[in-house]
Amino acid sequence: YTEMGLSNFYKLPSELKENLNKQYRFASDGASPHTIEEVY
């Protein structure tokens, strides 16, 4: 989540981007730690 990180990602080959998006999924779609704790 920085301009440098975004720029580096854009320059990668498309097949690698697809794989990294899967690896990075929970940097975007996960639940916040305090919400998980509150629910439990």
Full PDB file with SEQRES, HELIX, SHEET, SSBOND, CRYST1, ORIGX, SCALE, CONECT and MASTER records, all heavy atoms in Angstrom:
SEQRES   1 A   40  TYR THR GLU MET GLY LEU SER ASN PHE TYR LYS LEU PRO          
SEQRES   2 A   40  SER GLU LEU LYS GLU ASN LEU ASN LYS GLN TYR ARG PHE          
SEQRES   3 A   40  ALA SER ASP GLY ALA SER PRO HIS THR ILE GLU GLU VAL          
SEQRES   4 A   40  TYR                                                          
HELIX    1 AA1 GLU A    3  TYR A   10  1                                   8    
HELIX    2 AA2 SER A   14  GLN A   23  1                                  10    
HELIX    3 AA3 ARG A   25  ALA A   27  5                                   3    
HELIX    4 AA4 PRO A   33  VAL A   39  1                                   7    
CRYST1    1.000    1.000    1.000  90.00  90.00  90.00 P 1           1          
ORIGX1      1.000000  0.000000  0.000000        0.00000                         
ORIGX2      0.000000  1.000000  0.000000        0.00000                         
ORIGX3      0.000000  0.000000  1.000000        0.00000                         
SCALE1      1.000000  0.000000  0.000000        0.00000                         
SCALE2      0.000000  1.000000  0.000000        0.00000                         
SCALE3      0.000000  0.000000  1.000000        0.00000                         
ATOM      1  N   TYR A   1       0.804  -1.215   0.000  1.00  0.00           N  
ATOM      2  CA  TYR A   1       0.000   0.000   0.000  1.00  0.00           C  
ATOM      3  C   TYR A   1       0.839   1.268   0.000  1.00  0.00           C  
ATOM      4  O   TYR A   1       0.609   2.194   0.783  1.00  0.00           O  
ATOM      5  CB  TYR A   1      -0.969  -0.022   1.183  1.00  0.00           C  
ATOM      6  CG  TYR A   1      -2.075  -1.033   1.004  1.00  0.00           C  
ATOM      7  CD1 TYR A   1      -1.982  -2.297   1.555  1.00  0.00           C  
ATOM      8  CD2 TYR A   1      -3.204  -0.735   0.273  1.00  0.00           C  
ATOM      9  CE1 TYR A   1      -2.993  -3.232   1.382  1.00  0.00           C  
ATOM     10  CE2 TYR A   1      -4.213  -1.661   0.088  1.00  0.00           C  
ATOM     11  CZ  TYR A   1      -4.101  -2.906   0.639  1.00  0.00           C  
ATOM     12  OH  TYR A   1      -5.106  -3.829   0.457  1.00  0.00           O  
ATOM     13  N   THR A   2       1.818   1.312  -0.872  1.00  0.00           N  
ATOM     14  CA  THR A   2       2.614   2.510  -1.105  1.00  0.00           C  
ATOM     15  C   THR A   2       2.731   2.733  -2.607  1.00  0.00           C  
ATOM     16  O   THR A   2       2.503   1.815  -3.406  1.00  0.00           O  
ATOM     17  CB  THR A   2       4.026   2.377  -0.511  1.00  0.00           C  
ATOM     18  OG1 THR A   2       4.692   1.264  -1.144  1.00  0.00           O  
ATOM     19  CG2 THR A   2       3.987   2.163   1.000  1.00  0.00           C  
ATOM     20  N   GLU A   3       3.097   3.942  -2.993  1.00  0.00           N  
ATOM     21  CA  GLU A   3       3.270   4.225  -4.419  1.00  0.00           C  
ATOM     22  C   GLU A   3       4.365   3.358  -5.023  1.00  0.00           C  
ATOM     23  O   GLU A   3       4.246   2.881  -6.151  1.00  0.00           O  
ATOM     24  CB  GLU A   3       3.584   5.702  -4.624  1.00  0.00           C  
ATOM     25  CG  GLU A   3       2.403   6.621  -4.385  1.00  0.00           C  
ATOM     26  CD  GLU A   3       2.643   8.028  -4.871  1.00  0.00           C  
ATOM     27  OE1 GLU A   3       2.865   8.212  -6.078  1.00  0.00           O  
ATOM     28  OE2 GLU A   3       2.612   8.959  -4.053  1.00  0.00           O  
ATOM     29  N   MET A   4       5.440   3.141  -4.258  1.00  0.00           N  
ATOM     30  CA  MET A   4       6.519   2.289  -4.730  1.00  0.00           C  
ATOM     31  C   MET A   4       6.023   0.858  -4.937  1.00  0.00           C  
ATOM     32  O   MET A   4       6.310   0.224  -5.955  1.00  0.00           O  
ATOM     33  CB  MET A   4       7.690   2.309  -3.739  1.00  0.00           C  
ATOM     34  CG  MET A   4       8.846   1.364  -4.086  1.00  0.00           C  
ATOM     35  SD  MET A   4       9.747   1.869  -5.567  1.00  0.00           S  
ATOM     36  CE  MET A   4      10.696   3.242  -4.901  1.00  0.00           C  
ATOM     37  N   GLY A   5       5.260   0.341  -3.957  1.00  0.00           N  
ATOM     38  CA  GLY A   5       4.730  -1.009  -4.064  1.00  0.00           C  
ATOM     39  C   GLY A   5       3.807  -1.165  -5.256  1.00  0.00           C  
ATOM     40  O   GLY A   5       3.849  -2.169  -5.978  1.00  0.00           O  
ATOM     41  N   LEU A   6       2.960  -0.160  -5.486  1.00  0.00           N  
ATOM     42  CA  LEU A   6       2.042  -0.184  -6.618  1.00  0.00           C  
ATOM     43  C   LEU A   6       2.800  -0.168  -7.941  1.00  0.00           C  
ATOM     44  O   LEU A   6       2.489  -0.924  -8.855  1.00  0.00           O  
ATOM     45  CB  LEU A   6       1.089   1.011  -6.534  1.00  0.00           C  
ATOM     46  CG  LEU A   6       0.072   1.175  -7.663  1.00  0.00           C  
ATOM     47  CD1 LEU A   6      -0.825  -0.038  -7.762  1.00  0.00           C  
ATOM     48  CD2 LEU A   6      -0.767   2.428  -7.434  1.00  0.00           C  
ATOM     49  N   SER A   7       3.814   0.682  -8.023  1.00  0.00           N  
ATOM     50  CA  SER A   7       4.609   0.786  -9.243  1.00  0.00           C  
ATOM     51  C   SER A   7       5.340  -0.521  -9.536  1.00  0.00           C  
ATOM     52  O   SER A   7       5.382  -0.983 -10.683  1.00  0.00           O  
ATOM     53  CB  SER A   7       5.607   1.935  -9.111  1.00  0.00           C  
ATOM     54  OG  SER A   7       6.417   2.044 -10.249  1.00  0.00           O  
ATOM     55  N   ASN A   8       5.915  -1.121  -8.493  1.00  0.00           N  
ATOM     56  CA  ASN A   8       6.616  -2.397  -8.663  1.00  0.00           C  
ATOM     57  C   ASN A   8       5.675  -3.488  -9.154  1.00  0.00           C  
ATOM     58  O   ASN A   8       6.022  -4.296 -10.030  1.00  0.00           O  
ATOM     59  CB  ASN A   8       7.267  -2.826  -7.352  1.00  0.00           C  
ATOM     60  CG  ASN A   8       8.473  -1.978  -6.986  1.00  0.00           C  
ATOM     61  OD1 ASN A   8       9.057  -1.297  -7.837  1.00  0.00           O  
ATOM     62  ND2 ASN A   8       8.861  -2.001  -5.716  1.00  0.00           N  
ATOM     63  N   PHE A   9       4.463  -3.522  -8.586  1.00  0.00           N  
ATOM     64  CA  PHE A   9       3.498  -4.549  -8.971  1.00  0.00           C  
ATOM     65  C   PHE A   9       3.087  -4.389 -10.426  1.00  0.00           C  
ATOM     66  O   PHE A   9       3.003  -5.371 -11.170  1.00  0.00           O  
ATOM     67  CB  PHE A   9       2.259  -4.492  -8.062  1.00  0.00           C  
ATOM     68  CG  PHE A   9       1.269  -5.597  -8.318  1.00  0.00           C  
ATOM     69  CD1 PHE A   9       1.340  -6.775  -7.597  1.00  0.00           C  
ATOM     70  CD2 PHE A   9       0.277  -5.466  -9.278  1.00  0.00           C  
ATOM     71  CE1 PHE A   9       0.445  -7.808  -7.843  1.00  0.00           C  
ATOM     72  CE2 PHE A   9      -0.624  -6.487  -9.520  1.00  0.00           C  
ATOM     73  CZ  PHE A   9      -0.544  -7.656  -8.797  1.00  0.00           C  
ATOM     74  N   TYR A  10       2.831  -3.156 -10.862  1.00  0.00           N  
ATOM     75  CA  TYR A  10       2.343  -2.938 -12.226  1.00  0.00           C  
ATOM     76  C   TYR A  10       3.329  -3.455 -13.268  1.00  0.00           C  
ATOM     77  O   TYR A  10       2.933  -3.949 -14.314  1.00  0.00           O  
ATOM     78  CB  TYR A  10       2.050  -1.455 -12.478  1.00  0.00           C  
ATOM     79  CG  TYR A  10       1.426  -1.246 -13.838  1.00  0.00           C  
ATOM     80  CD1 TYR A  10       0.068  -1.444 -14.030  1.00  0.00           C  
ATOM     81  CD2 TYR A  10       2.206  -0.916 -14.936  1.00  0.00           C  
ATOM     82  CE1 TYR A  10      -0.503  -1.298 -15.280  1.00  0.00           C  
ATOM     83  CE2 TYR A  10       1.644  -0.763 -16.193  1.00  0.00           C  
ATOM     84  CZ  TYR A  10       0.282  -0.958 -16.363  1.00  0.00           C  
ATOM     85  OH  TYR A  10      -0.285  -0.828 -17.605  1.00  0.00           O  
ATOM     86  N   LYS A  11       4.619  -3.376 -12.984  1.00  0.00           N  
ATOM     87  CA  LYS A  11       5.654  -3.753 -13.945  1.00  0.00           C  
ATOM     88  C   LYS A  11       5.812  -5.273 -14.088  1.00  0.00           C  
ATOM     89  O   LYS A  11       6.500  -5.740 -14.998  1.00  0.00           O  
ATOM     90  CB  LYS A  11       6.994  -3.147 -13.533  1.00  0.00           C  
ATOM     91  CG  LYS A  11       7.040  -1.614 -13.580  1.00  0.00           C  
ATOM     92  CD  LYS A  11       8.404  -1.111 -13.143  1.00  0.00           C  
ATOM     93  CE  LYS A  11       8.527   0.411 -13.288  1.00  0.00           C  
ATOM     94  NZ  LYS A  11       7.754   1.130 -12.327  1.00  0.00           N  
ATOM     95  N   LEU A  12       5.189  -6.051 -13.222  1.00  0.00           N  
ATOM     96  CA  LEU A  12       5.343  -7.506 -13.249  1.00  0.00           C  
ATOM     97  C   LEU A  12       4.573  -8.124 -14.410  1.00  0.00           C  
ATOM     98  O   LEU A  12       3.569  -7.572 -14.878  1.00  0.00           O  
ATOM     99  CB  LEU A  12       4.853  -8.114 -11.932  1.00  0.00           C  
ATOM    100  CG  LEU A  12       5.630  -7.722 -10.662  1.00  0.00           C  
ATOM    101  CD1 LEU A  12       4.898  -8.238  -9.427  1.00  0.00           C  
ATOM    102  CD2 LEU A  12       7.048  -8.263 -10.702  1.00  0.00           C  
ATOM    103  N   PRO A  13       4.981  -9.310 -14.875  1.00  0.00           N  
ATOM    104  CA  PRO A  13       4.223 -10.017 -15.911  1.00  0.00           C  
ATOM    105  C   PRO A  13       2.839 -10.413 -15.402  1.00  0.00           C  
ATOM    106  O   PRO A  13       2.653 -10.659 -14.216  1.00  0.00           O  
ATOM    107  CB  PRO A  13       5.080 -11.261 -16.205  1.00  0.00           C  
ATOM    108  CG  PRO A  13       6.301 -11.133 -15.421  1.00  0.00           C  
ATOM    109  CD  PRO A  13       6.222 -10.028 -14.481  1.00  0.00           C  
ATOM    110  N   SER A  14       1.868 -10.469 -16.293  1.00  0.00           N  
ATOM    111  CA  SER A  14       0.474 -10.687 -15.910  1.00  0.00           C  
ATOM    112  C   SER A  14       0.272 -12.011 -15.179  1.00  0.00           C  
ATOM    113  O   SER A  14      -0.525 -12.097 -14.236  1.00  0.00           O  
ATOM    114  CB  SER A  14      -0.433 -10.614 -17.139  1.00  0.00           C  
ATOM    115  OG  SER A  14      -0.038 -11.525 -18.128  1.00  0.00           O  
ATOM    116  N   GLU A  15       0.977 -13.085 -15.605  1.00  0.00           N  
ATOM    117  CA  GLU A  15       0.794 -14.376 -14.949  1.00  0.00           C  
ATOM    118  C   GLU A  15       1.285 -14.341 -13.504  1.00  0.00           C  
ATOM    119  O   GLU A  15       0.718 -15.000 -12.624  1.00  0.00           O  
ATOM    120  CB  GLU A  15       1.486 -15.506 -15.725  1.00  0.00           C  
ATOM    121  CG  GLU A  15       3.012 -15.341 -15.890  1.00  0.00           C  
ATOM    122  CD  GLU A  15       3.412 -14.533 -17.108  1.00  0.00           C  
ATOM    123  OE1 GLU A  15       2.541 -13.860 -17.700  1.00  0.00           O  
ATOM    124  OE2 GLU A  15       4.617 -14.566 -17.452  1.00  0.00           O  
ATOM    125  N   LEU A  16       2.313 -13.560 -13.237  1.00  0.00           N  
ATOM    126  CA  LEU A  16       2.818 -13.422 -11.878  1.00  0.00           C  
ATOM    127  C   LEU A  16       1.858 -12.572 -11.045  1.00  0.00           C  
ATOM    128  O   LEU A  16       1.646 -12.835  -9.863  1.00  0.00           O  
ATOM    129  CB  LEU A  16       4.217 -12.805 -11.893  1.00  0.00           C  
ATOM    130  CG  LEU A  16       4.938 -12.657 -10.545  1.00  0.00           C  
ATOM    131  CD1 LEU A  16       4.990 -13.990  -9.808  1.00  0.00           C  
ATOM    132  CD2 LEU A  16       6.345 -12.093 -10.734  1.00  0.00           C  
ATOM    133  N   LYS A  17       1.275 -11.542 -11.654  1.00  0.00           N  
ATOM    134  CA  LYS A  17       0.295 -10.708 -10.954  1.00  0.00           C  
ATOM    135  C   LYS A  17      -0.873 -11.547 -10.441  1.00  0.00           C  
ATOM    136  O   LYS A  17      -1.332 -11.361  -9.304  1.00  0.00           O  
ATOM    137  CB  LYS A  17      -0.235  -9.616 -11.881  1.00  0.00           C  
ATOM    138  CG  LYS A  17       0.750  -8.515 -12.205  1.00  0.00           C  
ATOM    139  CD  LYS A  17       0.110  -7.501 -13.125  1.00  0.00           C  
ATOM    140  CE  LYS A  17       1.088  -6.401 -13.510  1.00  0.00           C  
ATOM    141  NZ  LYS A  17       0.485  -5.407 -14.428  1.00  0.00           N  
ATOM    142  N   GLU A  18      -1.351 -12.440 -11.263  1.00  0.00           N  
ATOM    143  CA  GLU A  18      -2.486 -13.280 -10.881  1.00  0.00           C  
ATOM    144  C   GLU A  18      -2.151 -14.115  -9.646  1.00  0.00           C  
ATOM    145  O   GLU A  18      -2.950 -14.235  -8.723  1.00  0.00           O  
ATOM    146  CB  GLU A  18      -2.886 -14.182 -12.049  1.00  0.00           C  
ATOM    147  CG  GLU A  18      -4.166 -14.979 -11.809  1.00  0.00           C  
ATOM    148  CD  GLU A  18      -4.587 -15.784 -13.024  1.00  0.00           C  
ATOM    149  OE1 GLU A  18      -3.957 -15.642 -14.109  1.00  0.00           O  
ATOM    150  OE2 GLU A  18      -5.560 -16.548 -12.898  1.00  0.00           O  
ATOM    151  N   ASN A  19      -0.964 -14.676  -9.627  1.00  0.00           N  
ATOM    152  CA  ASN A  19      -0.522 -15.488  -8.494  1.00  0.00           C  
ATOM    153  C   ASN A  19      -0.342 -14.637  -7.235  1.00  0.00           C  
ATOM    154  O   ASN A  19      -0.750 -15.026  -6.139  1.00  0.00           O  
ATOM    155  CB  ASN A  19       0.779 -16.204  -8.846  1.00  0.00           C  
ATOM    156  CG  ASN A  19       1.228 -17.168  -7.764  1.00  0.00           C  
ATOM    157  OD1 ASN A  19       0.444 -17.945  -7.237  1.00  0.00           O  
ATOM    158  ND2 ASN A  19       2.506 -17.119  -7.428  1.00  0.00           N  
ATOM    159  N   LEU A  20       0.255 -13.457  -7.390  1.00  0.00           N  
ATOM    160  CA  LEU A  20       0.475 -12.580  -6.241  1.00  0.00           C  
ATOM    161  C   LEU A  20      -0.833 -12.051  -5.667  1.00  0.00           C  
ATOM    162  O   LEU A  20      -0.971 -11.885  -4.455  1.00  0.00           O  
ATOM    163  CB  LEU A  20       1.383 -11.415  -6.632  1.00  0.00           C  
ATOM    164  CG  LEU A  20       2.870 -11.734  -6.775  1.00  0.00           C  
ATOM    165  CD1 LEU A  20       3.634 -10.518  -7.249  1.00  0.00           C  
ATOM    166  CD2 LEU A  20       3.456 -12.234  -5.453  1.00  0.00           C  
ATOM    167  N   ASN A  21      -1.807 -11.795  -6.523  1.00  0.00           N  
ATOM    168  CA  ASN A  21      -3.110 -11.345  -6.036  1.00  0.00           C  
ATOM    169  C   ASN A  21      -3.745 -12.375  -5.113  1.00  0.00           C  
ATOM    170  O   ASN A  21      -4.411 -12.033  -4.136  1.00  0.00           O  
ATOM    171  CB  ASN A  21      -4.045 -11.028  -7.198  1.00  0.00           C  
ATOM    172  CG  ASN A  21      -3.872  -9.609  -7.723  1.00  0.00           C  
ATOM    173  OD1 ASN A  21      -3.366  -8.735  -7.020  1.00  0.00           O  
ATOM    174  ND2 ASN A  21      -4.295  -9.378  -8.954  1.00  0.00           N  
ATOM    175  N   LYS A  22      -3.531 -13.651  -5.432  1.00  0.00           N  
ATOM    176  CA  LYS A  22      -4.029 -14.714  -4.556  1.00  0.00           C  
ATOM    177  C   LYS A  22      -3.275 -14.704  -3.226  1.00  0.00           C  
ATOM    178  O   LYS A  22      -3.871 -14.857  -2.158  1.00  0.00           O  
ATOM    179  CB  LYS A  22      -3.896 -16.072  -5.249  1.00  0.00           C  
ATOM    180  CG  LYS A  22      -4.801 -16.248  -6.458  1.00  0.00           C  
ATOM    181  CD  LYS A  22      -4.541 -17.577  -7.153  1.00  0.00           C  
ATOM    182  CE  LYS A  22      -5.415 -17.720  -8.399  1.00  0.00           C  
ATOM    183  NZ  LYS A  22      -5.124 -18.976  -9.147  1.00  0.00           N  
ATOM    184  N   GLN A  23      -1.954 -14.517  -3.295  1.00  0.00           N  
ATOM    185  CA  GLN A  23      -1.145 -14.486  -2.080  1.00  0.00           C  
ATOM    186  C   GLN A  23      -1.459 -13.266  -1.210  1.00  0.00           C  
ATOM    187  O   GLN A  23      -1.438 -13.339   0.017  1.00  0.00           O  
ATOM    188  CB  GLN A  23       0.344 -14.480  -2.430  1.00  0.00           C  
ATOM    189  CG  GLN A  23       0.858 -15.779  -3.066  1.00  0.00           C  
ATOM    190  CD  GLN A  23       2.354 -15.739  -3.288  1.00  0.00           C  
ATOM    191  OE1 GLN A  23       3.110 -15.320  -2.422  1.00  0.00           O  
ATOM    192  NE2 GLN A  23       2.799 -16.155  -4.467  1.00  0.00           N  
ATOM    193  N   TYR A  24      -1.760 -12.155  -1.865  1.00  0.00           N  
ATOM    194  CA  TYR A  24      -2.006 -10.899  -1.150  1.00  0.00           C  
ATOM    195  C   TYR A  24      -3.472 -10.718  -0.753  1.00  0.00           C  
ATOM    196  O   TYR A  24      -3.830  -9.681  -0.188  1.00  0.00           O  
ATOM    197  CB  TYR A  24      -1.600  -9.697  -2.013  1.00  0.00           C  
ATOM    198  CG  TYR A  24      -0.135  -9.588  -2.344  1.00  0.00           C  
ATOM    199  CD1 TYR A  24       0.300  -8.717  -3.351  1.00  0.00           C  
ATOM    200  CD2 TYR A  24       0.820 -10.330  -1.666  1.00  0.00           C  
ATOM    201  CE1 TYR A  24       1.637  -8.589  -3.656  1.00  0.00           C  
ATOM    202  CE2 TYR A  24       2.173 -10.224  -1.978  1.00  0.00           C  
ATOM    203  CZ  TYR A  24       2.568  -9.355  -2.980  1.00  0.00           C  
ATOM    204  OH  TYR A  24       3.892  -9.231  -3.293  1.00  0.00           O  
ATOM    205  N   ARG A  25      -4.288 -11.714  -1.000  1.00  0.00           N  
ATOM    206  CA  ARG A  25      -5.733 -11.556  -0.827  1.00  0.00           C  
ATOM    207  C   ARG A  25      -6.107 -10.995   0.537  1.00  0.00           C  
ATOM    208  O   ARG A  25      -6.901 -10.064   0.651  1.00  0.00           O  
ATOM    209  CB  ARG A  25      -6.421 -12.901  -1.042  1.00  0.00           C  
ATOM    210  CG  ARG A  25      -7.923 -12.851  -0.804  1.00  0.00           C  
ATOM    211  CD  ARG A  25      -8.541 -14.228  -0.857  1.00  0.00           C  
ATOM    212  NE  ARG A  25      -9.888 -14.219  -0.320  1.00  0.00           N  
ATOM    213  CZ  ARG A  25     -10.587 -15.295  -0.048  1.00  0.00           C  
ATOM    214  NH1 ARG A  25     -10.055 -16.501  -0.266  1.00  0.00           N  
ATOM    215  NH2 ARG A  25     -11.809 -15.191   0.458  1.00  0.00           N  
ATOM    216  N   PHE A  26      -5.525 -11.561   1.585  1.00  0.00           N  
ATOM    217  CA  PHE A  26      -5.944 -11.162   2.926  1.00  0.00           C  
ATOM    218  C   PHE A  26      -5.267  -9.892   3.416  1.00  0.00           C  
ATOM    219  O   PHE A  26      -5.487  -9.463   4.548  1.00  0.00           O  
ATOM    220  CB  PHE A  26      -5.761 -12.321   3.908  1.00  0.00           C  
ATOM    221  CG  PHE A  26      -6.683 -13.477   3.610  1.00  0.00           C  
ATOM    222  CD1 PHE A  26      -6.195 -14.672   3.129  1.00  0.00           C  
ATOM    223  CD2 PHE A  26      -8.042 -13.334   3.764  1.00  0.00           C  
ATOM    224  CE1 PHE A  26      -7.046 -15.722   2.825  1.00  0.00           C  
ATOM    225  CE2 PHE A  26      -8.913 -14.380   3.456  1.00  0.00           C  
ATOM    226  CZ  PHE A  26      -8.409 -15.572   2.991  1.00  0.00           C  
ATOM    227  N   ALA A  27      -4.476  -9.293   2.548  1.00  0.00           N  
ATOM    228  CA  ALA A  27      -4.031  -7.926   2.806  1.00  0.00           C  
ATOM    229  C   ALA A  27      -5.105  -6.939   2.380  1.00  0.00           C  
ATOM    230  O   ALA A  27      -4.999  -5.743   2.620  1.00  0.00           O  
ATOM    231  CB  ALA A  27      -2.734  -7.635   2.061  1.00  0.00           C  
ATOM    232  N   SER A  28      -6.158  -7.456   1.772  1.00  0.00           N  
ATOM    233  CA  SER A  28      -7.259  -6.631   1.296  1.00  0.00           C  
ATOM    234  C   SER A  28      -8.614  -7.081   1.838  1.00  0.00           C  
ATOM    235  O   SER A  28      -9.440  -6.265   2.230  1.00  0.00           O  
ATOM    236  CB  SER A  28      -7.293  -6.646  -0.240  1.00  0.00           C  
ATOM    237  OG  SER A  28      -8.412  -5.981  -0.748  1.00  0.00           O  
ATOM    238  N   ASP A  29      -8.836  -8.396   1.896  1.00  0.00           N  
ATOM    239  CA  ASP A  29     -10.176  -8.917   2.166  1.00  0.00           C  
ATOM    240  C   ASP A  29     -10.392  -9.473   3.572  1.00  0.00           C  
ATOM    241  O   ASP A  29     -11.504  -9.859   3.902  1.00  0.00           O  
ATOM    242  CB  ASP A  29     -10.511 -10.037   1.165  1.00  0.00           C  
ATOM    243  CG  ASP A  29     -10.598  -9.533  -0.265  1.00  0.00           C  
ATOM    244  OD1 ASP A  29     -10.733  -8.308  -0.451  1.00  0.00           O  
ATOM    245  OD2 ASP A  29     -10.523 -10.353  -1.190  1.00  0.00           O  
ATOM    246  N   GLY A  30      -9.379  -9.552   4.386  1.00  0.00           N  
ATOM    247  CA  GLY A  30      -9.543 -10.144   5.710  1.00  0.00           C  
ATOM    248  C   GLY A  30     -10.312  -9.243   6.678  1.00  0.00           C  
ATOM    249  O   GLY A  30     -10.580  -8.073   6.411  1.00  0.00           O  
ATOM    250  N   ALA A  31     -10.672  -9.817   7.823  1.00  0.00           N  
ATOM    251  CA  ALA A  31     -11.367  -9.075   8.877  1.00  0.00           C  
ATOM    252  C   ALA A  31     -10.353  -8.441   9.825  1.00  0.00           C  
ATOM    253  O   ALA A  31      -9.264  -8.988  10.053  1.00  0.00           O  
ATOM    254  CB  ALA A  31     -12.304 -10.000   9.649  1.00  0.00           C  
ATOM    255  N   SER A  32     -10.690  -7.291  10.382  1.00  0.00           N  
ATOM    256  CA  SER A  32      -9.772  -6.607  11.289  1.00  0.00           C  
ATOM    257  C   SER A  32      -9.622  -7.401  12.588  1.00  0.00           C  
ATOM    258  O   SER A  32     -10.595  -8.007  13.073  1.00  0.00           O  
ATOM    259  CB  SER A  32     -10.270  -5.194  11.601  1.00  0.00           C  
ATOM    260  OG  SER A  32     -11.495  -5.233  12.283  1.00  0.00           O  
ATOM    261  N   PRO A  33      -8.432  -7.425  13.176  1.00  0.00           N  
ATOM    262  CA  PRO A  33      -8.190  -8.202  14.397  1.00  0.00           C  
ATOM    263  C   PRO A  33      -9.127  -7.830  15.542  1.00  0.00           C  
ATOM    264  O   PRO A  33      -9.621  -8.712  16.256  1.00  0.00           O  
ATOM    265  CB  PRO A  33      -6.731  -7.877  14.736  1.00  0.00           C  
ATOM    266  CG  PRO A  33      -6.115  -7.453  13.441  1.00  0.00           C  
ATOM    267  CD  PRO A  33      -7.198  -6.786  12.665  1.00  0.00           C  
ATOM    268  N   HIS A  34      -9.403  -6.529  15.728  1.00  0.00           N  
ATOM    269  CA  HIS A  34     -10.252  -6.136  16.854  1.00  0.00           C  
ATOM    270  C   HIS A  34     -11.698  -6.582  16.648  1.00  0.00           C  
ATOM    271  O   HIS A  34     -12.409  -6.871  17.617  1.00  0.00           O  
ATOM    272  CB  HIS A  34     -10.168  -4.613  17.101  1.00  0.00           C  
ATOM    273  CG  HIS A  34     -10.893  -3.763  16.096  1.00  0.00           C  
ATOM    274  ND1 HIS A  34     -10.287  -3.290  14.975  1.00  0.00           N  
ATOM    275  CD2 HIS A  34     -12.185  -3.309  16.058  1.00  0.00           C  
ATOM    276  CE1 HIS A  34     -11.148  -2.567  14.285  1.00  0.00           C  
ATOM    277  NE2 HIS A  34     -12.311  -2.567  14.914  1.00  0.00           N  
ATOM    278  N   THR A  35     -12.157  -6.657  15.375  1.00  0.00           N  
ATOM    279  CA  THR A  35     -13.515  -7.144  15.112  1.00  0.00           C  
ATOM    280  C   THR A  35     -13.622  -8.631  15.400  1.00  0.00           C  
ATOM    281  O   THR A  35     -14.596  -9.090  16.003  1.00  0.00           O  
ATOM    282  CB  THR A  35     -13.922  -6.861  13.650  1.00  0.00           C  
ATOM    283  OG1 THR A  35     -13.767  -5.477  13.361  1.00  0.00           O  
ATOM    284  CG2 THR A  35     -15.367  -7.259  13.405  1.00  0.00           C  
ATOM    285  N   ILE A  36     -12.624  -9.402  14.982  1.00  0.00           N  
ATOM    286  CA  ILE A  36     -12.597 -10.836  15.276  1.00  0.00           C  
ATOM    287  C   ILE A  36     -12.624 -11.071  16.778  1.00  0.00           C  
ATOM    288  O   ILE A  36     -13.391 -11.896  17.292  1.00  0.00           O  
ATOM    289  CB  ILE A  36     -11.355 -11.495  14.647  1.00  0.00           C  
ATOM    290  CG1 ILE A  36     -11.428 -11.424  13.116  1.00  0.00           C  
ATOM    291  CG2 ILE A  36     -11.213 -12.945  15.103  1.00  0.00           C  
ATOM    292  CD1 ILE A  36     -10.163 -11.897  12.411  1.00  0.00           C  
ATOM    293  N   GLU A  37     -11.794 -10.320  17.498  1.00  0.00           N  
ATOM    294  CA  GLU A  37     -11.723 -10.461  18.955  1.00  0.00           C  
ATOM    295  C   GLU A  37     -13.058 -10.113  19.607  1.00  0.00           C  
ATOM    296  O   GLU A  37     -13.535 -10.823  20.498  1.00  0.00           O  
ATOM    297  CB  GLU A  37     -10.616  -9.579  19.512  1.00  0.00           C  
ATOM    298  CG  GLU A  37     -10.418  -9.704  21.019  1.00  0.00           C  
ATOM    299  CD  GLU A  37      -9.258  -8.862  21.504  1.00  0.00           C  
ATOM    300  OE1 GLU A  37      -9.378  -7.615  21.506  1.00  0.00           O  
ATOM    301  OE2 GLU A  37      -8.231  -9.441  21.871  1.00  0.00           O  
ATOM    302  N   GLU A  38     -13.673  -9.017  19.160  1.00  0.00           N  
ATOM    303  CA  GLU A  38     -14.953  -8.598  19.732  1.00  0.00           C  
ATOM    304  C   GLU A  38     -16.034  -9.649  19.528  1.00  0.00           C  
ATOM    305  O   GLU A  38     -16.799  -9.949  20.457  1.00  0.00           O  
ATOM    306  CB  GLU A  38     -15.394  -7.275  19.116  1.00  0.00           C  
ATOM    307  CG  GLU A  38     -16.689  -6.725  19.715  1.00  0.00           C  
ATOM    308  CD  GLU A  38     -17.113  -5.391  19.127  1.00  0.00           C  
ATOM    309  OE1 GLU A  38     -16.346  -4.824  18.303  1.00  0.00           O  
ATOM    310  OE2 GLU A  38     -18.204  -4.910  19.488  1.00  0.00           O  
ATOM    311  N   VAL A  39     -16.102 -10.236  18.334  1.00  0.00           N  
ATOM    312  CA  VAL A  39     -17.106 -11.257  18.062  1.00  0.00           C  
ATOM    313  C   VAL A  39     -16.870 -12.492  18.918  1.00  0.00           C  
ATOM    314  O   VAL A  39     -17.815 -13.031  19.512  1.00  0.00           O  
ATOM    315  CB  VAL A  39     -17.122 -11.629  16.559  1.00  0.00           C  
ATOM    316  CG1 VAL A  39     -17.988 -12.861  16.319  1.00  0.00           C  
ATOM    317  CG2 VAL A  39     -17.627 -10.461  15.724  1.00  0.00           C  
ATOM    318  N   TYR A  40     -15.634 -12.938  18.988  1.00  0.00           N  
ATOM    319  CA  TYR A  40     -15.350 -14.145  19.781  1.00  0.00           C  
ATOM    320  C   TYR A  40     -15.680 -13.923  21.253  1.00  0.00           C  
ATOM    321  O   TYR A  40     -16.266 -14.783  21.910  1.00  0.00           O  
ATOM    322  CB  TYR A  40     -13.896 -14.579  19.623  1.00  0.00           C  
ATOM    323  CG  TYR A  40     -13.659 -15.998  20.114  1.00  0.00           C  
ATOM    324  CD1 TYR A  40     -13.827 -17.075  19.262  1.00  0.00           C  
ATOM    325  CD2 TYR A  40     -13.323 -16.255  21.441  1.00  0.00           C  
ATOM    326  CE1 TYR A  40     -13.649 -18.379  19.710  1.00  0.00           C  
ATOM    327  CE2 TYR A  40     -13.139 -17.544  21.897  1.00  0.00           C  
ATOM    328  CZ  TYR A  40     -13.302 -18.608  21.031  1.00  0.00           C  
ATOM    329  OH  TYR A  40     -13.137 -19.902  21.485  1.00  0.00           O  
TER     330      TYR A  40                                                      
MASTER        0    0    0    4    0    0    0    6  329    1    0    4          
END                                                                             
